[in-house]
Amino acid sequence: MLLFTESARSATAFAAWALTAATPDAARAVSVAKAYCSDKGREVCNRGVQVHGGIGFTWEHDLHLYLKRVTVCEFLLGDASHHREQIAKSILEHLPCSRI
């Protein structure tokens, strides 16, 4: 789980750098970071629930709050499949068109 959170933090930092440096593929870097963070955020929450067992869904532990936040962020900011579509569109836009 630490590997997932640190790599998500790294992807977010790179996307922030790409935006501040105004690189041409900054939008793609942001979509990559959002897709990765969405996937791994849900996976870390699910693994946390598995590690803690049933207490992860009770009010005695704050893990259920993180799972709710991940779900809400997917609805508000787009889930991983949406951002993968954005990445594919940006890649297809930069491919040279060949007319047959």
N, C-alpha and C. Protein backbone atom coordinates (compact mmCIF):
# COMPACT_ATOMS: atom_id res chain seq x y z
N MET A 1 0.82 -1.18 0.00
CA MET A 1 0.00 0.00 0.00
C MET A 1 0.87 1.25 0.00
N LEU A 2 2.03 1.17 0.64
CA LEU A 2 2.93 2.31 0.65
C LEU A 2 3.45 2.60 -0.75
N LEU A 3 3.73 1.56 -1.51
CA LEU A 3 4.19 1.73 -2.88
C LEU A 3 3.14 2.45 -3.71
N PHE A 4 1.87 2.09 -3.55
CA PHE A 4 0.81 2.72 -4.31
C PHE A 4 0.66 4.20 -3.94
N THR A 5 0.71 4.51 -2.67
CA THR A 5 0.54 5.90 -2.25
C THR A 5 1.72 6.76 -2.68
N GLU A 6 2.93 6.23 -2.56
CA GLU A 6 4.10 7.01 -2.96
C GLU A 6 4.17 7.21 -4.47
N SER A 7 3.80 6.20 -5.25
CA SER A 7 3.81 6.37 -6.70
C SER A 7 2.68 7.30 -7.14
N ALA A 8 1.55 7.29 -6.44
CA ALA A 8 0.48 8.25 -6.74
C ALA A 8 0.93 9.66 -6.41
N ARG A 9 1.65 9.82 -5.32
CA ARG A 9 2.18 11.14 -4.96
C ARG A 9 3.18 11.62 -6.00
N SER A 10 4.00 10.71 -6.51
CA SER A 10 4.98 11.06 -7.53
C SER A 10 4.29 11.46 -8.83
N ALA A 11 3.25 10.72 -9.23
CA ALA A 11 2.52 11.06 -10.45
C ALA A 11 1.84 12.42 -10.31
N THR A 12 1.33 12.72 -9.13
CA THR A 12 0.69 14.01 -8.88
C THR A 12 1.72 15.14 -8.93
N ALA A 13 2.89 14.90 -8.34
CA ALA A 13 3.94 15.92 -8.36
C ALA A 13 4.41 16.19 -9.79
N PHE A 14 4.54 15.14 -10.60
CA PHE A 14 4.95 15.34 -11.98
C PHE A 14 3.89 16.11 -12.76
N ALA A 15 2.62 15.80 -12.52
CA ALA A 15 1.55 16.52 -13.20
C ALA A 15 1.53 17.99 -12.80
N ALA A 16 1.78 18.27 -11.52
CA ALA A 16 1.84 19.66 -11.07
C ALA A 16 3.02 20.38 -11.70
N TRP A 17 4.16 19.70 -11.79
CA TRP A 17 5.31 20.31 -12.46
C TRP A 17 5.03 20.57 -13.93
N ALA A 18 4.38 19.62 -14.59
CA ALA A 18 4.07 19.79 -16.02
C ALA A 18 3.15 20.98 -16.23
N LEU A 19 2.22 21.20 -15.32
CA LEU A 19 1.33 22.35 -15.44
C LEU A 19 2.06 23.66 -15.20
N THR A 20 2.91 23.70 -14.19
CA THR A 20 3.62 24.95 -13.90
C THR A 20 4.67 25.26 -14.97
N ALA A 21 5.25 24.23 -15.56
CA ALA A 21 6.25 24.44 -16.61
C ALA A 21 5.60 24.63 -17.98
N ALA A 22 4.29 24.46 -18.05
CA ALA A 22 3.53 24.62 -19.29
C ALA A 22 4.09 23.75 -20.41
N THR A 23 4.32 22.49 -20.10
CA THR A 23 4.78 21.56 -21.12
C THR A 23 3.64 21.23 -22.07
N PRO A 24 3.93 20.83 -23.30
CA PRO A 24 2.85 20.56 -24.25
C PRO A 24 1.96 19.38 -23.87
N ASP A 25 2.48 18.43 -23.11
CA ASP A 25 1.66 17.28 -22.73
C ASP A 25 1.24 17.34 -21.26
N ALA A 26 1.00 18.54 -20.76
CA ALA A 26 0.60 18.71 -19.36
C ALA A 26 -0.78 18.11 -19.11
N ALA A 27 -1.70 18.27 -20.05
CA ALA A 27 -3.04 17.71 -19.87
C ALA A 27 -2.99 16.19 -19.80
N ARG A 28 -2.10 15.60 -20.60
CA ARG A 28 -1.96 14.14 -20.56
C ARG A 28 -1.37 13.70 -19.23
N ALA A 29 -0.40 14.43 -18.70
CA ALA A 29 0.20 14.09 -17.41
C ALA A 29 -0.83 14.18 -16.30
N VAL A 30 -1.70 15.16 -16.37
CA VAL A 30 -2.76 15.29 -15.36
C VAL A 30 -3.73 14.13 -15.45
N SER A 31 -4.10 13.74 -16.67
CA SER A 31 -5.02 12.61 -16.83
C SER A 31 -4.39 11.31 -16.36
N VAL A 32 -3.09 11.13 -16.61
CA VAL A 32 -2.40 9.94 -16.14
C VAL A 32 -2.40 9.90 -14.61
N ALA A 33 -2.12 11.04 -14.00
CA ALA A 33 -2.09 11.09 -12.53
C ALA A 33 -3.48 10.83 -11.96
N LYS A 34 -4.51 11.42 -12.57
CA LYS A 34 -5.87 11.20 -12.06
C LYS A 34 -6.30 9.75 -12.21
N ALA A 35 -5.98 9.14 -13.34
CA ALA A 35 -6.35 7.74 -13.55
C ALA A 35 -5.63 6.84 -12.56
N TYR A 36 -4.33 7.07 -12.38
CA TYR A 36 -3.56 6.23 -11.47
C TYR A 36 -4.03 6.41 -10.02
N CYS A 37 -4.24 7.67 -9.63
CA CYS A 37 -4.66 7.92 -8.25
C CYS A 37 -6.06 7.36 -7.98
N SER A 38 -6.92 7.40 -8.98
CA SER A 38 -8.26 6.84 -8.81
C SER A 38 -8.19 5.33 -8.61
N ASP A 39 -7.43 4.66 -9.46
CA ASP A 39 -7.29 3.20 -9.33
C ASP A 39 -6.65 2.81 -8.01
N LYS A 40 -5.54 3.42 -7.72
CA LYS A 40 -4.78 3.00 -6.54
C LYS A 40 -5.43 3.47 -5.25
N GLY A 41 -6.13 4.58 -5.27
CA GLY A 41 -6.85 5.02 -4.07
C GLY A 41 -7.91 4.03 -3.67
N ARG A 42 -8.67 3.57 -4.65
CA ARG A 42 -9.70 2.56 -4.36
C ARG A 42 -9.05 1.25 -3.91
N GLU A 43 -7.95 0.87 -4.54
CA GLU A 43 -7.29 -0.39 -4.17
C GLU A 43 -6.71 -0.33 -2.76
N VAL A 44 -6.12 0.81 -2.39
CA VAL A 44 -5.58 0.95 -1.04
C VAL A 44 -6.70 0.90 0.00
N CYS A 45 -7.82 1.54 -0.30
CA CYS A 45 -8.95 1.49 0.63
C CYS A 45 -9.50 0.07 0.77
N ASN A 46 -9.62 -0.62 -0.35
CA ASN A 46 -10.11 -2.00 -0.29
C ASN A 46 -9.16 -2.90 0.48
N ARG A 47 -7.87 -2.73 0.27
CA ARG A 47 -6.90 -3.54 1.02
C ARG A 47 -6.91 -3.17 2.50
N GLY A 48 -7.11 -1.90 2.80
CA GLY A 48 -7.20 -1.50 4.21
C GLY A 48 -8.38 -2.14 4.91
N VAL A 49 -9.49 -2.22 4.21
CA VAL A 49 -10.67 -2.89 4.78
C VAL A 49 -10.37 -4.37 4.99
N GLN A 50 -9.66 -4.98 4.04
CA GLN A 50 -9.31 -6.40 4.20
C GLN A 50 -8.37 -6.60 5.38
N VAL A 51 -7.42 -5.69 5.56
CA VAL A 51 -6.46 -5.82 6.67
C VAL A 51 -7.17 -5.67 8.01
N HIS A 52 -8.07 -4.69 8.10
CA HIS A 52 -8.72 -4.42 9.37
C HIS A 52 -9.97 -5.26 9.59
N GLY A 53 -10.40 -5.96 8.57
CA GLY A 53 -11.59 -6.80 8.73
C GLY A 53 -12.84 -5.96 8.80
N GLY A 54 -13.80 -6.40 9.54
CA GLY A 54 -15.09 -5.72 9.63
C GLY A 54 -15.05 -4.37 10.30
N ILE A 55 -14.00 -4.09 11.07
CA ILE A 55 -13.94 -2.81 11.77
C ILE A 55 -13.75 -1.64 10.80
N GLY A 56 -13.32 -1.95 9.58
CA GLY A 56 -13.12 -0.90 8.59
C GLY A 56 -14.41 -0.24 8.16
N PHE A 57 -15.55 -0.90 8.34
CA PHE A 57 -16.83 -0.33 7.96
C PHE A 57 -17.61 0.21 9.14
N THR A 58 -17.04 0.21 10.33
CA THR A 58 -17.74 0.71 11.50
C THR A 58 -17.29 2.13 11.80
N TRP A 59 -17.99 2.77 12.73
CA TRP A 59 -17.64 4.13 13.12
C TRP A 59 -16.43 4.16 14.05
N GLU A 60 -15.95 3.00 14.47
CA GLU A 60 -14.81 2.95 15.38
C GLU A 60 -13.49 3.22 14.67
N HIS A 61 -13.49 3.11 13.37
CA HIS A 61 -12.27 3.31 12.59
C HIS A 61 -12.58 4.28 11.46
N ASP A 62 -11.61 5.11 11.08
CA ASP A 62 -11.83 6.14 10.06
C ASP A 62 -11.67 5.63 8.63
N LEU A 63 -11.44 4.36 8.45
CA LEU A 63 -11.21 3.82 7.11
C LEU A 63 -12.43 3.99 6.21
N HIS A 64 -13.62 3.89 6.76
CA HIS A 64 -14.82 4.05 5.94
C HIS A 64 -14.92 5.46 5.37
N LEU A 65 -14.36 6.45 6.06
CA LEU A 65 -14.37 7.82 5.55
C LEU A 65 -13.52 7.94 4.29
N TYR A 66 -12.36 7.28 4.28
CA TYR A 66 -11.50 7.32 3.11
C TYR A 66 -12.15 6.63 1.91
N LEU A 67 -12.83 5.54 2.18
CA LEU A 67 -13.52 4.83 1.10
C LEU A 67 -14.65 5.69 0.53
N LYS A 68 -15.35 6.42 1.39
CA LYS A 68 -16.39 7.33 0.92
C LYS A 68 -15.78 8.47 0.11
N ARG A 69 -14.64 9.00 0.55
CA ARG A 69 -13.99 10.09 -0.17
C ARG A 69 -13.54 9.65 -1.56
N VAL A 70 -13.01 8.44 -1.66
CA VAL A 70 -12.58 7.93 -2.96
C VAL A 70 -13.77 7.81 -3.89
N THR A 71 -14.88 7.32 -3.38
CA THR A 71 -16.08 7.16 -4.20
C THR A 71 -16.62 8.51 -4.66
N VAL A 72 -16.67 9.48 -3.77
CA VAL A 72 -17.16 10.81 -4.13
C VAL A 72 -16.23 11.48 -5.14
N CYS A 73 -14.92 11.33 -4.96
CA CYS A 73 -13.98 11.93 -5.91
C CYS A 73 -14.10 11.31 -7.29
N GLU A 74 -14.42 10.02 -7.36
CA GLU A 74 -14.63 9.40 -8.67
C GLU A 74 -15.84 10.00 -9.37
N PHE A 75 -16.88 10.31 -8.62
CA PHE A 75 -18.06 10.92 -9.23
C PHE A 75 -17.80 12.37 -9.63
N LEU A 76 -17.10 13.11 -8.79
CA LEU A 76 -16.89 14.53 -9.06
C LEU A 76 -15.79 14.79 -10.10
N LEU A 77 -14.70 14.05 -10.02
CA LEU A 77 -13.54 14.33 -10.87
C LEU A 77 -13.40 13.36 -12.04
N GLY A 78 -14.21 12.34 -12.09
CA GLY A 78 -14.11 11.34 -13.15
C GLY A 78 -13.36 10.12 -12.67
N ASP A 79 -13.84 8.96 -13.08
CA ASP A 79 -13.17 7.73 -12.67
C ASP A 79 -12.00 7.44 -13.61
N ALA A 80 -11.32 6.35 -13.35
CA ALA A 80 -10.11 6.03 -14.11
C ALA A 80 -10.40 5.76 -15.58
N SER A 81 -11.53 5.15 -15.88
CA SER A 81 -11.84 4.87 -17.28
C SER A 81 -12.07 6.16 -18.07
N HIS A 82 -12.67 7.16 -17.45
CA HIS A 82 -12.85 8.45 -18.10
C HIS A 82 -11.51 9.08 -18.44
N HIS A 83 -10.58 9.03 -17.51
CA HIS A 83 -9.28 9.64 -17.75
C HIS A 83 -8.44 8.83 -18.73
N ARG A 84 -8.65 7.53 -18.77
CA ARG A 84 -7.96 6.74 -19.79
C ARG A 84 -8.47 7.10 -21.19
N GLU A 85 -9.75 7.40 -21.30
CA GLU A 85 -10.29 7.87 -22.58
C GLU A 85 -9.68 9.21 -22.97
N GLN A 86 -9.48 10.09 -21.99
CA GLN A 86 -8.85 11.37 -22.26
C GLN A 86 -7.41 11.19 -22.74
N ILE A 87 -6.70 10.24 -22.14
CA ILE A 87 -5.33 9.95 -22.55
C ILE A 87 -5.31 9.41 -23.97
N ALA A 88 -6.22 8.51 -24.28
CA ALA A 88 -6.28 7.94 -25.63
C ALA A 88 -6.61 9.01 -26.66
N LYS A 89 -7.52 9.92 -26.34
CA LYS A 89 -7.85 11.01 -27.26
C LYS A 89 -6.65 11.91 -27.51
N SER A 90 -5.90 12.21 -26.44
CA SER A 90 -4.74 13.09 -26.62
C SER A 90 -3.64 12.41 -27.43
N ILE A 91 -3.51 11.10 -27.30
CA ILE A 91 -2.52 10.38 -28.09
C ILE A 91 -2.96 10.33 -29.55
N LEU A 92 -4.24 10.07 -29.78
CA LEU A 92 -4.74 9.99 -31.15
C LEU A 92 -4.68 11.34 -31.87
N GLU A 93 -4.80 12.43 -31.12
CA GLU A 93 -4.71 13.75 -31.73
C GLU A 93 -3.33 14.05 -32.27
N HIS A 94 -2.31 13.45 -31.66
CA HIS A 94 -0.93 13.72 -32.07
C HIS A 94 -0.40 12.74 -33.10
N LEU A 95 -1.19 11.75 -33.46
CA LEU A 95 -0.75 10.81 -34.50
C LEU A 95 -0.94 11.43 -35.87
N PRO A 96 0.01 11.18 -36.77
CA PRO A 96 -0.16 11.73 -38.12
C PRO A 96 -1.30 10.99 -38.83
N CYS A 97 -2.09 11.74 -39.49
CA CYS A 97 -3.22 11.15 -40.23
C CYS A 97 -2.72 10.59 -41.56
N SER A 98 -3.13 9.40 -41.87
CA SER A 98 -2.77 8.80 -43.14
C SER A 98 -4.03 8.58 -43.95
N ARG A 99 -4.06 9.12 -45.12
CA ARG A 99 -5.23 8.98 -45.98
C ARG A 99 -5.00 7.86 -46.97
N ILE A 100 -5.98 7.02 -47.06
CA ILE A 100 -5.87 5.89 -47.98
C ILE A 100 -6.77 6.12 -49.17
